[in-house]
N, C-alpha and C. Protein backbone atom coordinates (compact mmCIF):
# COMPACT_ATOMS: atom_id res chain seq x y z
N UNK A 1 46.51 -50.21 -14.38
CA UNK A 1 47.80 -50.37 -14.93
C UNK A 1 48.82 -49.58 -14.08
N UNK A 2 49.96 -50.16 -13.95
CA UNK A 2 50.96 -49.47 -13.15
C UNK A 2 51.96 -48.74 -14.09
N UNK A 3 52.13 -47.48 -13.87
CA UNK A 3 52.95 -46.71 -14.81
C UNK A 3 54.44 -46.80 -14.40
N UNK A 4 54.71 -47.29 -13.23
CA UNK A 4 56.14 -47.38 -12.80
C UNK A 4 56.74 -46.05 -12.53
N UNK A 5 58.07 -45.92 -12.85
CA UNK A 5 58.79 -44.66 -12.61
C UNK A 5 58.39 -43.54 -13.54
N UNK A 6 57.59 -43.80 -14.56
CA UNK A 6 57.25 -42.77 -15.56
C UNK A 6 55.96 -42.05 -15.25
N UNK A 7 55.28 -42.35 -14.15
CA UNK A 7 54.02 -41.64 -13.80
C UNK A 7 54.35 -40.24 -13.36
N UNK A 8 53.52 -39.33 -13.59
CA UNK A 8 53.78 -37.85 -13.22
C UNK A 8 53.75 -37.70 -11.71
N UNK A 9 54.66 -36.91 -11.21
CA UNK A 9 54.76 -36.64 -9.76
C UNK A 9 53.69 -35.66 -9.29
N UNK A 10 53.20 -35.84 -8.10
CA UNK A 10 52.24 -34.86 -7.56
C UNK A 10 52.93 -33.53 -7.23
N UNK A 11 52.27 -32.46 -7.54
CA UNK A 11 52.90 -31.18 -7.22
C UNK A 11 53.05 -31.00 -5.69
N UNK A 12 54.09 -30.27 -5.28
CA UNK A 12 54.17 -30.05 -3.82
C UNK A 12 53.08 -29.18 -3.30
N UNK A 13 52.78 -29.34 -2.01
CA UNK A 13 51.74 -28.50 -1.45
C UNK A 13 52.15 -27.06 -1.40
N UNK A 14 51.18 -26.14 -1.46
CA UNK A 14 51.51 -24.72 -1.47
C UNK A 14 52.03 -24.34 -0.09
N UNK A 15 52.89 -23.37 0.01
CA UNK A 15 53.48 -22.91 1.27
C UNK A 15 52.37 -22.36 2.20
N UNK A 16 52.52 -22.41 3.47
CA UNK A 16 51.47 -21.89 4.40
C UNK A 16 51.35 -20.38 4.23
N UNK A 17 50.17 -19.90 4.41
CA UNK A 17 50.03 -18.46 4.30
C UNK A 17 50.79 -17.68 5.35
N UNK A 18 51.24 -16.46 4.96
CA UNK A 18 51.98 -15.65 5.84
C UNK A 18 51.01 -15.16 6.96
N UNK A 19 51.42 -15.29 8.22
CA UNK A 19 50.56 -14.82 9.30
C UNK A 19 51.26 -13.72 10.05
N UNK A 20 50.45 -12.88 10.66
CA UNK A 20 51.07 -11.87 11.53
C UNK A 20 51.52 -12.48 12.83
N UNK A 21 52.46 -11.83 13.40
CA UNK A 21 53.05 -12.29 14.69
C UNK A 21 52.00 -12.38 15.77
N UNK A 22 51.03 -11.46 15.81
CA UNK A 22 50.00 -11.40 16.82
C UNK A 22 49.08 -12.62 16.79
N UNK A 23 48.80 -13.14 15.57
CA UNK A 23 48.02 -14.28 15.40
C UNK A 23 48.75 -15.56 15.92
N UNK A 24 49.99 -15.61 15.66
CA UNK A 24 50.88 -16.71 16.13
C UNK A 24 50.85 -16.69 17.67
N UNK A 25 51.04 -15.50 18.23
CA UNK A 25 51.09 -15.42 19.72
C UNK A 25 49.77 -15.82 20.34
N UNK A 26 48.67 -15.46 19.71
CA UNK A 26 47.36 -15.78 20.16
C UNK A 26 47.11 -17.29 20.15
N UNK A 27 47.49 -17.95 19.00
CA UNK A 27 47.40 -19.40 18.89
C UNK A 27 48.26 -20.10 19.97
N UNK A 28 49.51 -19.59 20.22
CA UNK A 28 50.34 -20.20 21.19
C UNK A 28 49.79 -20.05 22.60
N UNK A 29 49.18 -18.91 22.85
CA UNK A 29 48.46 -18.73 24.21
C UNK A 29 47.30 -19.70 24.32
N UNK A 30 46.51 -19.82 23.27
CA UNK A 30 45.31 -20.72 23.33
C UNK A 30 45.78 -22.18 23.49
N UNK A 31 46.89 -22.55 22.81
CA UNK A 31 47.40 -23.92 22.93
C UNK A 31 47.89 -24.19 24.34
N UNK A 32 48.60 -23.19 24.91
CA UNK A 32 49.07 -23.39 26.25
C UNK A 32 47.92 -23.53 27.23
N UNK A 33 46.87 -22.70 27.06
CA UNK A 33 45.76 -22.68 27.95
C UNK A 33 45.01 -24.10 27.86
N UNK A 34 44.88 -24.61 26.64
CA UNK A 34 44.29 -25.89 26.38
C UNK A 34 45.05 -27.00 27.06
N UNK A 35 46.40 -26.93 26.93
CA UNK A 35 47.26 -27.97 27.58
C UNK A 35 47.13 -27.90 29.06
N UNK A 36 46.99 -26.66 29.60
CA UNK A 36 46.84 -26.53 31.10
C UNK A 36 45.47 -27.09 31.53
N UNK A 37 44.45 -26.88 30.78
CA UNK A 37 43.10 -27.42 31.10
C UNK A 37 43.13 -28.95 31.01
N UNK A 38 43.76 -29.48 29.97
CA UNK A 38 43.83 -30.86 29.76
C UNK A 38 44.59 -31.57 30.92
N UNK A 39 45.70 -30.92 31.36
CA UNK A 39 46.45 -31.46 32.49
C UNK A 39 45.65 -31.44 33.83
N UNK A 40 44.91 -30.33 33.99
CA UNK A 40 44.01 -30.26 35.23
C UNK A 40 43.00 -31.30 35.20
N UNK A 41 42.35 -31.51 34.03
CA UNK A 41 41.32 -32.56 33.89
C UNK A 41 41.88 -33.92 34.12
N UNK A 42 43.06 -34.14 33.63
CA UNK A 42 43.68 -35.47 33.84
C UNK A 42 44.06 -35.70 35.30
N UNK A 43 44.54 -34.63 36.01
CA UNK A 43 44.81 -34.76 37.41
C UNK A 43 43.60 -35.02 38.21
N UNK A 44 42.49 -34.28 37.88
CA UNK A 44 41.22 -34.51 38.57
C UNK A 44 40.70 -35.89 38.37
N UNK A 45 40.76 -36.43 37.20
CA UNK A 45 40.29 -37.78 36.89
C UNK A 45 41.16 -38.80 37.66
N UNK A 46 42.43 -38.57 37.75
CA UNK A 46 43.32 -39.48 38.50
C UNK A 46 42.97 -39.47 39.98
N UNK A 47 42.75 -38.27 40.51
CA UNK A 47 42.37 -38.18 41.94
C UNK A 47 41.10 -38.88 42.28
N UNK A 48 40.09 -38.79 41.31
CA UNK A 48 38.82 -39.45 41.49
C UNK A 48 38.97 -40.96 41.46
N UNK A 49 39.82 -41.46 40.53
CA UNK A 49 40.05 -42.91 40.45
C UNK A 49 40.73 -43.40 41.74
N UNK A 50 41.69 -42.68 42.26
CA UNK A 50 42.43 -43.04 43.47
C UNK A 50 41.43 -43.04 44.65
N UNK A 51 40.62 -41.99 44.74
CA UNK A 51 39.62 -41.91 45.80
C UNK A 51 38.63 -43.09 45.77
N UNK A 52 38.18 -43.42 44.58
CA UNK A 52 37.18 -44.55 44.43
C UNK A 52 37.91 -45.87 44.81
N UNK A 53 39.17 -45.98 44.42
CA UNK A 53 39.89 -47.22 44.70
C UNK A 53 40.15 -47.41 46.23
N UNK A 54 40.47 -46.26 46.88
CA UNK A 54 40.76 -46.33 48.28
C UNK A 54 39.55 -46.47 49.14
N UNK A 55 38.38 -46.22 48.57
CA UNK A 55 37.14 -46.48 49.34
C UNK A 55 36.53 -45.21 49.97
N UNK A 56 37.08 -43.99 49.76
CA UNK A 56 36.50 -42.84 50.34
C UNK A 56 35.22 -42.45 49.53
N UNK A 57 35.14 -42.83 48.26
CA UNK A 57 34.01 -42.41 47.45
C UNK A 57 33.45 -43.68 46.83
N UNK A 58 32.11 -43.74 46.65
CA UNK A 58 31.55 -44.86 45.98
C UNK A 58 30.66 -45.70 46.94
N UNK A 59 30.29 -46.84 46.50
CA UNK A 59 29.48 -47.67 47.28
C UNK A 59 30.20 -48.29 48.50
N UNK A 60 29.44 -48.51 49.55
CA UNK A 60 30.06 -49.14 50.74
C UNK A 60 29.32 -50.47 50.98
N UNK A 61 30.04 -51.32 51.51
CA UNK A 61 29.43 -52.64 51.84
C UNK A 61 28.83 -52.47 53.24
N UNK A 62 28.08 -53.52 53.69
CA UNK A 62 27.48 -53.46 54.98
C UNK A 62 28.47 -53.51 56.13
N UNK A 63 29.61 -54.09 55.84
CA UNK A 63 30.67 -54.19 56.88
C UNK A 63 31.46 -52.95 57.04
N UNK A 64 31.62 -52.15 55.95
CA UNK A 64 32.47 -51.01 56.03
C UNK A 64 31.74 -49.74 56.32
N UNK A 65 30.37 -49.80 56.39
CA UNK A 65 29.57 -48.59 56.58
C UNK A 65 29.67 -48.11 57.97
N UNK A 66 28.93 -47.05 58.29
CA UNK A 66 28.88 -46.43 59.63
C UNK A 66 28.44 -47.38 60.67
N UNK A 67 27.52 -48.27 60.34
CA UNK A 67 26.98 -49.27 61.32
C UNK A 67 27.48 -50.62 60.92
N UNK A 68 28.76 -50.72 60.64
CA UNK A 68 29.33 -51.93 60.12
C UNK A 68 29.06 -53.21 60.93
N UNK A 69 28.72 -54.24 60.20
CA UNK A 69 28.43 -55.53 60.79
C UNK A 69 27.11 -55.71 61.49
N UNK A 70 26.27 -54.70 61.54
CA UNK A 70 25.00 -54.84 62.23
C UNK A 70 23.93 -55.34 61.29
N UNK A 71 24.08 -55.32 59.97
CA UNK A 71 23.08 -55.86 59.03
C UNK A 71 22.00 -54.84 58.78
N UNK A 72 20.94 -55.36 58.23
CA UNK A 72 19.78 -54.57 57.81
C UNK A 72 18.92 -54.24 59.06
N UNK A 73 18.26 -53.09 59.02
CA UNK A 73 17.40 -52.70 60.11
C UNK A 73 15.99 -53.29 59.75
N UNK A 74 15.35 -54.01 60.69
CA UNK A 74 14.06 -54.65 60.38
C UNK A 74 13.01 -54.04 61.32
N UNK A 75 11.81 -53.82 60.75
CA UNK A 75 10.72 -53.24 61.56
C UNK A 75 10.37 -54.24 62.69
N UNK A 76 9.88 -53.62 63.78
CA UNK A 76 9.61 -54.45 64.97
C UNK A 76 8.45 -55.39 64.71
N UNK A 77 7.50 -55.10 63.84
CA UNK A 77 6.43 -56.04 63.58
C UNK A 77 6.83 -57.26 62.80
N UNK A 78 7.94 -57.20 62.11
CA UNK A 78 8.44 -58.35 61.43
C UNK A 78 9.28 -59.33 62.24
N UNK A 79 9.76 -58.74 63.43
CA UNK A 79 10.60 -59.63 64.29
C UNK A 79 9.78 -60.45 65.15
N UNK A 80 9.85 -61.77 65.02
CA UNK A 80 9.16 -62.74 65.91
C UNK A 80 9.91 -64.04 65.96
N UNK A 81 9.52 -64.88 66.85
CA UNK A 81 10.16 -66.15 67.02
C UNK A 81 9.99 -67.10 65.80
N UNK A 82 8.79 -67.18 65.23
CA UNK A 82 8.59 -68.04 64.09
C UNK A 82 9.45 -67.62 62.86
N UNK A 83 9.61 -66.36 62.67
CA UNK A 83 10.35 -65.87 61.54
C UNK A 83 11.82 -65.69 61.85
N UNK A 84 12.27 -66.03 63.06
CA UNK A 84 13.61 -65.93 63.49
C UNK A 84 14.25 -64.54 63.28
N UNK A 85 13.42 -63.52 63.45
CA UNK A 85 13.90 -62.20 63.36
C UNK A 85 13.93 -61.60 62.01
N UNK A 86 13.38 -62.27 61.06
CA UNK A 86 13.40 -61.71 59.70
C UNK A 86 12.06 -61.85 59.08
């Protein structure tokens, strides 16, 4: 059942406990330190994404590698005319 405007109001929350100034300063320092760490982690992740996108880090294709365009290296015993080199 809905009581409408006659239902009792919830009591207001109690006021926050009184803290010493040193505790507030310590919390503020911790919060600033966490923000700095979060920003550093975010910057590091961004740099890793950019490096992976630009190709400096990660998998390389056969064309972009150090021996680009030469293909796979095959043992000499496998290379013959009937198998056409493979």
